[in-house]
Amino acid sequence: MRRQSGIGWDHLNNTIDMDPGWWRTMKVEIPGCSRFKKGPLQNEAELTVMFNNITNDESDN
């Protein structure tokens, strides 16, 4: 979601900064995404350590 072209980023709050219409569209496409409207990913540093070496080459799809 964050890596899409044209996405605004609020560096102060570490949240995605987009208009309400964009969020409505995303909520349909990605259920549960609205939690990132109010706050950043929790425990990001720990998650990076845990999952840093995991990659997906899409060979199983």
PDB file of N, CA and C in Angstrom:
ATOM      1  N   MET A   1       0.825  -1.182   0.000  1.00  0.00           N
ATOM      2  CA  MET A   1       0.000   0.000   0.000  1.00  0.00           C
ATOM      3  C   MET A   1       0.874   1.252   0.000  1.00  0.00           C
ATOM      4  N   ARG A   2       1.832   1.280   0.882  1.00  0.00           N
ATOM      5  CA  ARG A   2       2.675   2.468   1.014  1.00  0.00           C
ATOM      6  C   ARG A   2       3.546   2.697  -0.215  1.00  0.00           C
ATOM      7  N   ARG A   3       3.885   1.647  -0.929  1.00  0.00           N
ATOM      8  CA  ARG A   3       4.804   1.781  -2.063  1.00  0.00           C
ATOM      9  C   ARG A   3       4.110   2.137  -3.369  1.00  0.00           C
ATOM     10  N   GLN A   4       2.803   2.323  -3.335  1.00  0.00           N
ATOM     11  CA  GLN A   4       2.083   2.736  -4.532  1.00  0.00           C
ATOM     12  C   GLN A   4       2.524   4.137  -4.938  1.00  0.00           C
ATOM     13  N   SER A   5       2.477   4.409  -6.209  1.00  0.00           N
ATOM     14  CA  SER A   5       2.832   5.726  -6.721  1.00  0.00           C
ATOM     15  C   SER A   5       1.830   6.769  -6.241  1.00  0.00           C
ATOM     16  N   GLY A   6       2.329   7.918  -5.813  1.00  0.00           N
ATOM     17  CA  GLY A   6       1.471   9.028  -5.420  1.00  0.00           C
ATOM     18  C   GLY A   6       0.964   8.994  -3.993  1.00  0.00           C
ATOM     19  N   ILE A   7       1.434   8.068  -3.194  1.00  0.00           N
ATOM     20  CA  ILE A   7       0.989   7.956  -1.805  1.00  0.00           C
ATOM     21  C   ILE A   7       1.723   8.982  -0.957  1.00  0.00           C
ATOM     22  N   GLY A   8       0.959   9.730  -0.146  1.00  0.00           N
ATOM     23  CA  GLY A   8       1.560  10.691   0.767  1.00  0.00           C
ATOM     24  C   GLY A   8       1.993  10.007   2.056  1.00  0.00           C
ATOM     25  N   TRP A   9       3.035  10.523   2.683  1.00  0.00           N
ATOM     26  CA  TRP A   9       3.551   9.945   3.923  1.00  0.00           C
ATOM     27  C   TRP A   9       3.717  11.040   4.960  1.00  0.00           C
ATOM     28  N   ASP A  10       3.141  10.828   6.126  1.00  0.00           N
ATOM     29  CA  ASP A  10       3.260  11.759   7.245  1.00  0.00           C
ATOM     30  C   ASP A  10       4.439  11.303   8.097  1.00  0.00           C
ATOM     31  N   HIS A  11       5.565  11.996   7.968  1.00  0.00           N
ATOM     32  CA  HIS A  11       6.782  11.601   8.680  1.00  0.00           C
ATOM     33  C   HIS A  11       6.671  11.808  10.184  1.00  0.00           C
ATOM     34  N   LEU A  12       5.859  12.737  10.610  1.00  0.00           N
ATOM     35  CA  LEU A  12       5.695  12.995  12.038  1.00  0.00           C
ATOM     36  C   LEU A  12       4.981  11.834  12.733  1.00  0.00           C
ATOM     37  N   ASN A  13       3.913  11.337  12.113  1.00  0.00           N
ATOM     38  CA  ASN A  13       3.120  10.261  12.716  1.00  0.00           C
ATOM     39  C   ASN A  13       3.415   8.876  12.145  1.00  0.00           C
ATOM     40  N   ASN A  14       4.272   8.820  11.113  1.00  0.00           N
ATOM     41  CA  ASN A  14       4.575   7.561  10.426  1.00  0.00           C
ATOM     42  C   ASN A  14       3.309   6.876   9.932  1.00  0.00           C
ATOM     43  N   THR A  15       2.480   7.651   9.239  1.00  0.00           N
ATOM     44  CA  THR A  15       1.235   7.124   8.690  1.00  0.00           C
ATOM     45  C   THR A  15       1.085   7.538   7.232  1.00  0.00           C
ATOM     46  N   ILE A  16       0.221   6.834   6.527  1.00  0.00           N
ATOM     47  CA  ILE A  16      -0.105   7.183   5.147  1.00  0.00           C
ATOM     48  C   ILE A  16      -1.043   8.376   5.173  1.00  0.00           C
ATOM     49  N   ASP A  17      -0.746   9.384   4.367  1.00  0.00           N
ATOM     50  CA  ASP A  17      -1.517  10.626   4.357  1.00  0.00           C
ATOM     51  C   ASP A  17      -2.252  10.764   3.024  1.00  0.00           C
ATOM     52  N   MET A  18      -3.500  10.296   3.000  1.00  0.00           N
ATOM     53  CA  MET A  18      -4.303  10.366   1.778  1.00  0.00           C
ATOM     54  C   MET A  18      -5.714  10.816   2.130  1.00  0.00           C
ATOM     55  N   ASP A  19      -6.472  11.233   1.108  1.00  0.00           N
ATOM     56  CA  ASP A  19      -7.826  11.747   1.330  1.00  0.00           C
ATOM     57  C   ASP A  19      -8.794  10.607   1.678  1.00  0.00           C
ATOM     58  N   PRO A  20      -9.945  10.953   2.270  1.00  0.00           N
ATOM     59  CA  PRO A  20     -10.914   9.934   2.693  1.00  0.00           C
ATOM     60  C   PRO A  20     -11.404   9.022   1.566  1.00  0.00           C
ATOM     61  N   GLY A  21     -11.526   9.541   0.348  1.00  0.00           N
ATOM     62  CA  GLY A  21     -11.952   8.710  -0.782  1.00  0.00           C
ATOM     63  C   GLY A  21     -10.970   7.591  -1.073  1.00  0.00           C
ATOM     64  N   TRP A  22      -9.689   7.900  -0.990  1.00  0.00           N
ATOM     65  CA  TRP A  22      -8.656   6.888  -1.207  1.00  0.00           C
ATOM     66  C   TRP A  22      -8.762   5.801  -0.141  1.00  0.00           C
ATOM     67  N   TRP A  23      -8.949   6.205   1.105  1.00  0.00           N
ATOM     68  CA  TRP A  23      -9.073   5.227   2.196  1.00  0.00           C
ATOM     69  C   TRP A  23     -10.300   4.339   1.998  1.00  0.00           C
ATOM     70  N   ARG A  24     -11.424   4.885   1.533  1.00  0.00           N
ATOM     71  CA  ARG A  24     -12.624   4.072   1.284  1.00  0.00           C
ATOM     72  C   ARG A  24     -12.332   3.004   0.231  1.00  0.00           C
ATOM     73  N   THR A  25     -11.641   3.401  -0.828  1.00  0.00           N
ATOM     74  CA  THR A  25     -11.285   2.450  -1.883  1.00  0.00           C
ATOM     75  C   THR A  25     -10.363   1.365  -1.347  1.00  0.00           C
ATOM     76  N   MET A  26      -9.366   1.756  -0.581  1.00  0.00           N
ATOM     77  CA  MET A  26      -8.415   0.790  -0.040  1.00  0.00           C
ATOM     78  C   MET A  26      -9.070  -0.176   0.946  1.00  0.00           C
ATOM     79  N   LYS A  27     -10.038   0.320   1.733  1.00  0.00           N
ATOM     80  CA  LYS A  27     -10.716  -0.555   2.696  1.00  0.00           C
ATOM     81  C   LYS A  27     -11.456  -1.687   1.994  1.00  0.00           C
ATOM     82  N   VAL A  28     -11.948  -1.426   0.776  1.00  0.00           N
ATOM     83  CA  VAL A  28     -12.606  -2.470  -0.004  1.00  0.00           C
ATOM     84  C   VAL A  28     -11.564  -3.442  -0.556  1.00  0.00           C
ATOM     85  N   GLU A  29     -10.456  -2.908  -1.075  1.00  0.00           N
ATOM     86  CA  GLU A  29      -9.418  -3.733  -1.692  1.00  0.00           C
ATOM     87  C   GLU A  29      -8.584  -4.489  -0.667  1.00  0.00           C
ATOM     88  N   ILE A  30      -8.302  -3.853   0.473  1.00  0.00           N
ATOM     89  CA  ILE A  30      -7.437  -4.445   1.497  1.00  0.00           C
ATOM     90  C   ILE A  30      -8.131  -4.320   2.854  1.00  0.00           C
ATOM     91  N   PRO A  31      -8.986  -5.287   3.213  1.00  0.00           N
ATOM     92  CA  PRO A  31      -9.673  -5.206   4.506  1.00  0.00           C
ATOM     93  C   PRO A  31      -8.674  -5.085   5.658  1.00  0.00           C
ATOM     94  N   GLY A  32      -8.969  -4.217   6.599  1.00  0.00           N
ATOM     95  CA  GLY A  32      -8.108  -4.028   7.761  1.00  0.00           C
ATOM     96  C   GLY A  32      -7.036  -2.970   7.590  1.00  0.00           C
ATOM     97  N   CYS A  33      -6.908  -2.409   6.391  1.00  0.00           N
ATOM     98  CA  CYS A  33      -5.835  -1.446   6.148  1.00  0.00           C
ATOM     99  C   CYS A  33      -6.042  -0.120   6.871  1.00  0.00           C
ATOM    100  N   SER A  34      -7.270   0.178   7.249  1.00  0.00           N
ATOM    101  CA  SER A  34      -7.539   1.489   7.857  1.00  0.00           C
ATOM    102  C   SER A  34      -6.849   1.676   9.201  1.00  0.00           C
ATOM    103  N   ARG A  35      -6.376   0.593   9.818  1.00  0.00           N
ATOM    104  CA  ARG A  35      -5.640   0.750  11.082  1.00  0.00           C
ATOM    105  C   ARG A  35      -4.352   1.545  10.878  1.00  0.00           C
ATOM    106  N   PHE A  36      -3.830   1.566   9.650  1.00  0.00           N
ATOM    107  CA  PHE A  36      -2.613   2.326   9.371  1.00  0.00           C
ATOM    108  C   PHE A  36      -2.896   3.800   9.118  1.00  0.00           C
ATOM    109  N   LYS A  37      -4.160   4.166   9.097  1.00  0.00           N
ATOM    110  CA  LYS A  37      -4.534   5.572   8.940  1.00  0.00           C
ATOM    111  C   LYS A  37      -4.233   6.350  10.216  1.00  0.00           C
ATOM    112  N   LYS A  38      -4.323   5.688  11.348  1.00  0.00           N
ATOM    113  CA  LYS A  38      -4.171   6.356  12.641  1.00  0.00           C
ATOM    114  C   LYS A  38      -2.820   6.127  13.301  1.00  0.00           C
ATOM    115  N   GLY A  39      -2.090   5.121  12.886  1.00  0.00           N
ATOM    116  CA  GLY A  39      -0.814   4.855  13.534  1.00  0.00           C
ATOM    117  C   GLY A  39       0.053   3.926  12.712  1.00  0.00           C
ATOM    118  N   PRO A  40       1.334   3.874  13.030  1.00  0.00           N
ATOM    119  CA  PRO A  40       2.269   3.046  12.271  1.00  0.00           C
ATOM    120  C   PRO A  40       2.168   1.572  12.660  1.00  0.00           C
ATOM    121  N   LEU A  41       2.876   0.759  11.934  1.00  0.00           N
ATOM    122  CA  LEU A  41       3.000  -0.651  12.246  1.00  0.00           C
ATOM    123  C   LEU A  41       3.668  -0.792  13.606  1.00  0.00           C
ATOM    124  N   GLN A  42       3.071  -1.566  14.487  1.00  0.00           N
ATOM    125  CA  GLN A  42       3.651  -1.746  15.814  1.00  0.00           C
ATOM    126  C   GLN A  42       4.808  -2.734  15.733  1.00  0.00           C
ATOM    127  N   ASN A  43       5.819  -2.508  16.542  1.00  0.00           N
ATOM    128  CA  ASN A  43       6.972  -3.414  16.650  1.00  0.00           C
ATOM    129  C   ASN A  43       7.693  -3.622  15.318  1.00  0.00           C
ATOM    130  N   GLU A  44       7.778  -2.583  14.515  1.00  0.00           N
ATOM    131  CA  GLU A  44       8.386  -2.722  13.191  1.00  0.00           C
ATOM    132  C   GLU A  44       9.833  -3.200  13.269  1.00  0.00           C
ATOM    133  N   ALA A  45      10.597  -2.696  14.208  1.00  0.00           N
ATOM    134  CA  ALA A  45      12.003  -3.102  14.333  1.00  0.00           C
ATOM    135  C   ALA A  45      12.113  -4.593  14.645  1.00  0.00           C
ATOM    136  N   GLU A  46      11.281  -5.081  15.559  1.00  0.00           N
ATOM    137  CA  GLU A  46      11.313  -6.495  15.916  1.00  0.00           C
ATOM    138  C   GLU A  46      10.850  -7.376  14.755  1.00  0.00           C
ATOM    139  N   LEU A  47       9.827  -6.918  14.040  1.00  0.00           N
ATOM    140  CA  LEU A  47       9.343  -7.672  12.891  1.00  0.00           C
ATOM    141  C   LEU A  47      10.398  -7.741  11.788  1.00  0.00           C
ATOM    142  N   THR A  48      11.149  -6.669  11.623  1.00  0.00           N
ATOM    143  CA  THR A  48      12.225  -6.663  10.635  1.00  0.00           C
ATOM    144  C   THR A  48      13.263  -7.721  10.975  1.00  0.00           C
ATOM    145  N   VAL A  49      13.626  -7.820  12.242  1.00  0.00           N
ATOM    146  CA  VAL A  49      14.595  -8.836  12.674  1.00  0.00           C
ATOM    147  C   VAL A  49      14.037 -10.236  12.420  1.00  0.00           C
ATOM    148  N   MET A  50      12.773 -10.443  12.742  1.00  0.00           N
ATOM    149  CA  MET A  50      12.171 -11.770  12.609  1.00  0.00           C
ATOM    150  C   MET A  50      12.006 -12.214  11.156  1.00  0.00           C
ATOM    151  N   PHE A  51      11.627 -11.295  10.277  1.00  0.00           N
ATOM    152  CA  PHE A  51      11.256 -11.677   8.918  1.00  0.00           C
ATOM    153  C   PHE A  51      12.191 -11.134   7.841  1.00  0.00           C
ATOM    154  N   ASN A  52      13.315 -10.593   8.210  1.00  0.00           N
ATOM    155  CA  ASN A  52      14.223  -9.947   7.269  1.00  0.00           C
ATOM    156  C   ASN A  52      14.702 -10.880   6.158  1.00  0.00           C
ATOM    157  N   ASN A  53      14.951 -12.134   6.466  1.00  0.00           N
ATOM    158  CA  ASN A  53      15.517 -13.054   5.479  1.00  0.00           C
ATOM    159  C   ASN A  53      14.466 -13.813   4.675  1.00  0.00           C
ATOM    160  N   ILE A  54      13.202 -13.511   4.881  1.00  0.00           N
ATOM    161  CA  ILE A  54      12.140 -14.207   4.159  1.00  0.00           C
ATOM    162  C   ILE A  54      11.863 -13.478   2.845  1.00  0.00           C
ATOM    163  N   THR A  55      11.867 -14.226   1.761  1.00  0.00           N
ATOM    164  CA  THR A  55      11.564 -13.657   0.453  1.00  0.00           C
ATOM    165  C   THR A  55      10.488 -14.496  -0.229  1.00  0.00           C
ATOM    166  N   ASN A  56       9.848 -13.930  -1.214  1.00  0.00           N
ATOM    167  CA  ASN A  56       8.828 -14.626  -1.988  1.00  0.00           C
ATOM    168  C   ASN A  56       9.186 -14.506  -3.456  1.00  0.00           C
ATOM    169  N   ASP A  57       9.484 -15.637  -4.068  1.00  0.00           N
ATOM    170  CA  ASP A  57       9.795 -15.613  -5.498  1.00  0.00           C
ATOM    171  C   ASP A  57       8.578 -15.995  -6.348  1.00  0.00           C
ATOM    172  N   GLU A  58       7.419 -16.158  -5.701  1.00  0.00           N
ATOM    173  CA  GLU A  58       6.145 -16.459  -6.344  1.00  0.00           C
ATOM    174  C   GLU A  58       6.148 -17.785  -7.091  1.00  0.00           C
ATOM    175  N   SER A  59       7.083 -18.687  -6.781  1.00  0.00           N
ATOM    176  CA  SER A  59       7.137 -19.976  -7.460  1.00  0.00           C
ATOM    177  C   SER A  59       6.014 -20.908  -7.026  1.00  0.00           C
ATOM    178  N   ASP A  60       5.358 -20.609  -5.909  1.00  0.00           N
ATOM    179  CA  ASP A  60       4.280 -21.468  -5.426  1.00  0.00           C
ATOM    180  C   ASP A  60       2.909 -20.998  -5.892  1.00  0.00           C
ATOM    181  N   ASN A  61       2.857 -19.968  -6.701  1.00  0.00           N
ATOM    182  CA  ASN A  61       1.563 -19.454  -7.172  1.00  0.00           C
ATOM    183  C   ASN A  61       1.322 -19.813  -8.605  1.00  0.00           C
TER     184      ASN A  61
END
